[in-house]
Each structure stands twice: as structure tokens, then as C-alpha cells.
Protein backbone atom coordinates (compact mmCIF):
# COMPACT_ATOMS: atom_id res chain seq x y z
CA MET A 1 -23.15 -25.26 -13.52
CA GLY A 2 -23.97 -21.75 -12.33
CA LYS A 3 -22.11 -18.74 -12.35
CA THR A 4 -18.82 -18.47 -10.37
CA LEU A 5 -19.11 -15.46 -7.94
CA SER A 6 -15.91 -13.82 -7.40
CA ILE A 7 -14.87 -11.52 -4.76
CA PHE A 8 -11.53 -11.18 -5.40
CA LYS A 9 -10.07 -10.47 -8.96
CA THR A 10 -9.02 -13.48 -9.91
CA ASP A 11 -7.93 -12.44 -13.20
CA LYS A 12 -4.36 -11.02 -12.00
CA ARG A 13 -1.28 -12.34 -10.55
CA ASP A 14 -0.15 -12.76 -7.19
CA PHE A 15 -1.57 -10.37 -4.53
CA GLU A 16 -3.94 -8.58 -6.75
CA GLY A 17 -7.72 -8.47 -5.45
CA VAL A 18 -6.08 -8.23 -2.06
CA LEU A 19 -3.71 -4.88 -2.81
CA GLY A 20 -4.51 -2.33 -5.08
CA SER A 21 -2.05 -2.48 -8.00
CA LEU A 22 0.18 0.21 -7.64
CA GLU A 23 0.18 -1.32 -3.51
CA LYS A 24 1.14 -4.58 -4.68
CA ASP A 25 4.15 -3.17 -6.95
CA ILE A 26 5.57 -1.54 -4.14
CA MET A 27 5.11 -4.15 -1.75
CA GLU A 28 6.85 -6.30 -4.30
CA VAL A 29 9.84 -3.58 -4.38
CA LEU A 30 9.77 -3.89 -0.94
CA TRP A 31 10.03 -7.21 -0.74
CA ASP A 32 12.75 -7.47 -3.39
CA LYS A 33 15.13 -4.88 -1.86
CA GLY A 34 14.02 -5.51 1.71
CA GLU A 35 14.48 -1.39 2.87
CA PHE A 36 13.88 1.62 0.52
CA SER A 37 13.18 5.41 0.67
CA GLY A 38 10.12 6.44 -0.95
CA ARG A 39 11.81 8.44 -3.54
CA GLU A 40 13.82 4.87 -4.39
CA VAL A 41 10.79 2.64 -4.45
CA PHE A 42 9.81 5.93 -6.90
CA GLU A 43 12.65 4.99 -8.87
CA GLN A 44 11.93 1.60 -9.23
CA ILE A 45 8.23 1.56 -10.53
CA LYS A 46 7.92 5.02 -12.86
CA ASP A 47 9.21 3.80 -15.83
CA SER A 48 6.76 0.61 -15.44
CA ARG A 49 3.74 3.41 -15.09
CA ASP A 50 2.55 7.02 -15.20
CA ILE A 51 3.10 7.92 -12.08
CA ALA A 52 4.05 10.98 -9.48
CA LEU A 53 5.93 10.96 -6.32
CA THR A 54 3.59 12.66 -4.20
CA THR A 55 1.24 9.36 -5.36
CA VAL A 56 3.88 6.61 -4.49
CA LEU A 57 4.37 8.66 -1.16
CA THR A 58 0.78 8.66 -0.45
CA VAL A 59 0.17 4.92 -1.26
CA ILE A 60 3.56 3.72 1.06
CA GLU A 61 1.72 5.82 3.81
CA ARG A 62 -1.32 4.00 3.54
CA LEU A 63 0.45 0.87 3.46
CA VAL A 64 1.87 1.83 6.79
CA LYS A 65 -1.41 2.84 7.96
CA LYS A 66 -2.45 -0.95 7.24
CA GLY A 67 0.62 -2.29 9.06
CA LEU A 68 2.56 -4.13 6.07
CA VAL A 69 5.51 -1.60 5.62
CA LYS A 70 7.43 0.00 8.69
CA LYS A 71 8.58 3.49 8.75
CA GLU A 72 11.49 4.45 10.02
CA LYS A 73 13.41 7.98 10.48
CA GLY A 74 16.50 7.22 8.01
CA ASP A 75 19.29 10.46 8.12
CA SER A 76 17.40 12.81 5.59
CA THR A 77 14.61 10.55 4.96
CA TYR A 78 11.95 8.04 6.24
CA ILE A 79 12.84 4.52 5.14
CA TYR A 80 10.00 2.11 4.38
CA LYS A 81 10.51 -1.56 4.87
CA PRO A 82 8.20 -4.70 4.90
CA ALA A 83 6.27 -5.44 8.02
CA SER A 84 6.62 -9.15 7.26
CA SER A 85 8.02 -11.52 4.15
CA LYS A 86 6.18 -11.82 1.23
CA GLU A 87 5.52 -15.59 2.27
CA GLU A 88 3.97 -14.61 5.59
CA PHE A 89 1.95 -11.83 4.18
CA SER A 90 0.64 -14.85 1.70
CA LYS A 91 0.04 -17.27 4.48
CA ASN A 92 -1.62 -14.87 6.60
CA ILE A 93 -4.34 -13.61 3.59
CA SER A 94 -4.70 -17.15 3.00
CA ARG A 95 -5.53 -18.17 6.42
CA ASP A 96 -7.35 -15.23 7.33
CA VAL A 97 -10.08 -15.86 3.58
CA PHE A 98 -10.32 -19.49 4.44
CA LYS A 99 -11.25 -18.36 8.09
CA ARG A 100 -13.90 -16.00 6.37
CA VAL A 101 -15.43 -18.99 4.10
CA MET A 102 -15.50 -21.58 6.41
CA GLN A 103 -17.69 -19.06 9.02
CA MET A 104 -19.59 -19.41 5.95
CA SER A 105 -20.28 -23.35 5.51
CA SER A 106 -16.79 -25.23 6.55
CA SER A 107 -17.93 -28.38 4.72
CA ASP A 108 -18.72 -26.55 1.92
CA ALA A 109 -15.47 -24.62 2.11
CA VAL A 110 -13.13 -27.92 2.90
CA ALA A 111 -14.64 -29.33 -0.09
CA SER A 112 -13.61 -26.73 -2.49
CA PHE A 113 -10.32 -26.66 -0.99
CA VAL A 114 -9.78 -30.29 -2.03
CA ASP A 115 -11.13 -29.85 -5.10
CA ILE A 116 -8.94 -26.67 -6.11
CA VAL A 117 -5.96 -28.50 -4.97
CA ALA A 118 -6.56 -31.74 -6.56
CA ASN A 119 -7.35 -29.65 -9.91
CA VAL A 120 -4.03 -27.39 -9.40
CA ASP A 121 -1.68 -29.77 -8.03
CA PRO A 122 -2.47 -33.57 -7.74
CA LYS A 123 0.48 -34.31 -4.99
CA GLU A 124 -0.55 -31.62 -3.05
CA LEU A 125 -3.64 -33.96 -2.06
CA ASP A 126 -1.12 -36.24 -0.45
CA ARG A 127 1.05 -33.34 1.29
CA LEU A 128 -2.68 -32.17 2.60
CA SER A 129 -3.50 -35.95 3.62
CA ARG A 130 -0.18 -36.36 5.78
CA LEU A 131 -0.77 -32.36 7.18
CA ILE A 132 -4.12 -33.72 8.48
CA GLU A 133 -3.03 -37.38 9.73
CA ALA A 134 -0.20 -34.71 11.87
CA LYS A 135 -2.66 -32.71 13.40
CA LYS A 136 -5.14 -35.28 14.12
CA LYS A 137 -2.16 -36.71 16.45
CA GLU A 138 -1.38 -33.30 17.98
CA LEU A 139 -5.26 -32.86 19.07
CA HIS A 140 -5.10 -36.18 20.02
CA LYS A 141 -1.86 -35.79 22.48
CA GLY A 142 -3.52 -32.46 23.93
CA ALA A 143 -6.73 -34.14 24.89
């Protein structure tokens, strides 16, 4: 079999490859705590990395521009909170990635997806089958 091409950094956990390392750490803090000032986010991650407050604030602002973080004016500082839950973010990313892959070759994408599900969690194949049947019924009702 040929070499596997990876467009995402798959050697890391969670959302690396979609989010940069610092972006991921910031989002994890916000998902965990709900809302924080930029300084509070910095305080949460400064022990795990050699980083400046200004760098954290810059990356938070980039996340705001990307629409991943909401910014609100607090009493004396801005308050940042995630624009969506971690689960919603994950669902949106996976939907977007899968949609793009399906546009290239839907039959190959579906076959690969089924193979991956079978390798990762074979029990999910039953759930997938039920979802497919439910969607078929839903589509037939609308036709």
C-alpha cells in the first residue's frame, strides 16, 4: 500500500491540525471555564508554556476574528467566551471536512469513513446503520 497523505496534523490529540497549538490551549481554557478575561486565560496557560501575555491576547483576537470566540466589554477589561461548545465545534469541523472530501470523491470518502469506523469502534457500525435507515425514511417521507 502507498504512503498515506495527511493534510492535517494527525499525530496530536483533539483539534490540533484545525487549530494551532496555542489556539487549542486557549479554546480548551474557554470551553472549560466558560468565560475569562485575556489575563485570566494567560494565567491558566502560562505555567505550561513559555509565553507572553501579549501573545495570548493577540491569538485570542485572532480567534475572535475567526468567529470562534466572542468578545464582550466587561467593567474594566474585555471578557472572552467560546462562540460554540466544544461538541458543536467538533461537529462543525467534522461536517466541513467530510463535505469537502465528499466533493472530491463521494464513494471513496464513504468507503474510507466506514473502514475508519470499523477500525476505531466496530459497534458504531450498528449505530451508523440505524442513522442511515432513519435518514432514508425521512427522505422518503419528504419525497
